[in-house]
C-alpha atoms as a PDB file:
ATOM      1  CA  MET A   1      51.653 -11.073 144.642  1.00  0.00           C
ATOM      2  CA  TYR A   2      49.094  -9.115 142.644  1.00  0.00           C
ATOM      3  CA  PHE A   3      50.749  -5.844 143.668  1.00  0.00           C
ATOM      4  CA  CYS A   4      54.152  -7.066 142.423  1.00  0.00           C
ATOM      5  CA  LYS A   5      52.736  -8.086 139.045  1.00  0.00           C
ATOM      6  CA  LYS A   6      50.979  -4.756 138.683  1.00  0.00           C
ATOM      7  CA  LEU A   7      54.173  -2.878 139.588  1.00  0.00           C
ATOM      8  CA  ILE A   8      56.204  -4.867 137.065  1.00  0.00           C
ATOM      9  CA  MET A   9      53.615  -4.175 134.354  1.00  0.00           C
ATOM     10  CA  LYS A  10      53.809  -0.437 135.091  1.00  0.00           C
ATOM     11  CA  LYS A  11      57.610  -0.526 134.860  1.00  0.00           C
ATOM     12  CA  ASN A  12      57.423  -2.359 131.535  1.00  0.00           C
ATOM     13  CA  LYS A  13      54.961   0.194 130.166  1.00  0.00           C
ATOM     14  CA  LEU A  14      57.179   3.047 131.324  1.00  0.00           C
ATOM     15  CA  ALA A  15      60.271   1.449 129.802  1.00  0.00           C
ATOM     16  CA  THR A  16      58.468   0.933 126.494  1.00  0.00           C
ATOM     17  CA  PHE A  17      57.216   4.511 126.517  1.00  0.00           C
ATOM     18  CA  VAL A  18      60.702   5.895 127.145  1.00  0.00           C
ATOM     19  CA  GLN A  19      62.246   3.698 124.439  1.00  0.00           C
ATOM     20  CA  VAL A  20      59.758   4.952 121.861  1.00  0.00           C
ATOM     21  CA  TYR A  21      59.495   8.608 122.816  1.00  0.00           C
ATOM     22  CA  TYR A  22      62.983   9.442 124.132  1.00  0.00           C
ATOM     23  CA  PRO A  23      63.780  11.790 121.204  1.00  0.00           C
ATOM     24  CA  VAL A  24      60.617  13.789 121.828  1.00  0.00           C
ATOM     25  CA  ILE A  25      61.318  13.997 125.562  1.00  0.00           C
ATOM     26  CA  LEU A  26      64.903  15.078 124.940  1.00  0.00           C
ATOM     27  CA  ALA A  27      63.836  17.653 122.332  1.00  0.00           C
ATOM     28  CA  PHE A  28      61.242  19.080 124.721  1.00  0.00           C
ATOM     29  CA  MET A  29      63.851  19.430 127.463  1.00  0.00           C
ATOM     30  CA  CYS A  30      66.155  21.236 125.022  1.00  0.00           C
ATOM     31  CA  LEU A  31      63.290  23.512 124.032  1.00  0.00           C
ATOM     32  CA  LEU A  32      62.659  24.384 127.674  1.00  0.00           C
ATOM     33  CA  TYR A  33      66.383  25.041 128.122  1.00  0.00           C
ATOM     34  CA  SER A  34      66.421  27.408 125.141  1.00  0.00           C
ATOM     35  CA  VAL A  35      63.320  29.271 126.304  1.00  0.00           C
ATOM     36  CA  SER A  36      64.698  29.643 129.814  1.00  0.00           C
ATOM     37  CA  LEU A  37      67.957  31.065 128.433  1.00  0.00           C
ATOM     38  CA  GLY A  38      65.970  33.587 126.425  1.00  0.00           C
ATOM     39  CA  LEU A  39      63.890  34.575 129.439  1.00  0.00           C
ATOM     40  CA  PHE A  40      67.007  35.118 131.531  1.00  0.00           C
ATOM     41  CA  GLY A  41      68.440  37.430 128.890  1.00  0.00           C
ATOM     42  CA  TYR A  42      70.968  35.138 127.234  1.00  0.00           C
ATOM     43  CA  THR A  43      69.562  35.658 123.748  1.00  0.00           C
ATOM     44  CA  GLU A  44      72.591  34.531 121.737  1.00  0.00           C
ATOM     45  CA  GLU A  45      72.844  31.301 123.702  1.00  0.00           C
ATOM     46  CA  ALA A  46      69.092  30.800 123.341  1.00  0.00           C
ATOM     47  CA  GLN A  47      69.306  31.192 119.562  1.00  0.00           C
ATOM     48  CA  TYR A  48      72.169  28.709 119.416  1.00  0.00           C
ATOM     49  CA  SER A  49      70.378  26.101 121.483  1.00  0.00           C
ATOM     50  CA  ALA A  50      67.054  26.673 119.695  1.00  0.00           C
ATOM     51  CA  HIS A  51      68.286  24.454 116.846  1.00  0.00           C
ATOM     52  CA  TRP A  52      68.860  21.432 119.070  1.00  0.00           C
ATOM     53  CA  PRO A  53      65.247  20.137 119.286  1.00  0.00           C
ATOM     54  CA  GLY A  54      64.779  20.057 115.536  1.00  0.00           C
ATOM     55  CA  THR A  55      68.131  18.396 114.983  1.00  0.00           C
ATOM     56  CA  ILE A  56      67.405  15.733 117.597  1.00  0.00           C
ATOM     57  CA  LEU A  57      64.046  14.932 116.042  1.00  0.00           C
ATOM     58  CA  LEU A  58      65.452  14.817 112.498  1.00  0.00           C
ATOM     59  CA  PHE A  59      68.234  12.453 113.528  1.00  0.00           C
ATOM     60  CA  ALA A  60      65.726  10.248 115.346  1.00  0.00           C
ATOM     61  CA  VAL A  61      63.572  10.042 112.221  1.00  0.00           C
ATOM     62  CA  ALA A  62      66.592   9.230 110.045  1.00  0.00           C
ATOM     63  CA  ILE A  63      67.865   6.553 112.434  1.00  0.00           C
ATOM     64  CA  ARG A  64      64.459   4.880 112.691  1.00  0.00           C
ATOM     65  CA  GLN A  65      64.009   4.997 108.944  1.00  0.00           C
ATOM     66  CA  ARG A  66      67.379   3.308 108.393  1.00  0.00           C
ATOM     67  CA  ARG A  67      66.592   0.764 111.121  1.00  0.00           C
ATOM     68  CA  ASN A  68      63.257  -0.103 109.475  1.00  0.00           C
ATOM     69  CA  ASP A  69      64.918  -0.429 106.067  1.00  0.00           C
ATOM     70  CA  ILE A  70      67.499  -2.838 107.456  1.00  0.00           C
ATOM     71  CA  LYS A  71      64.799  -4.943 109.160  1.00  0.00           C
ATOM     72  CA  LYS A  72      62.875  -5.276 105.881  1.00  0.00           C
ATOM     73  CA  GLN A  73      65.879  -6.695 104.022  1.00  0.00           C
END
């Protein structure tokens, strides 16, 4: 019984972590994708995809800011 409770608590912590930090995780994966393209010699594709992490993070900030503004009203 104790093991099940502990496992459920770990799943809840992981779910909360992913819900909060999913933009950062996604941006990091895009950054790794861009760097790997550059290392393999696809420089134009790497430059194109290099803008994705910043855009993802900016949209996440804007969405959370709007969400917080709506909650305050």
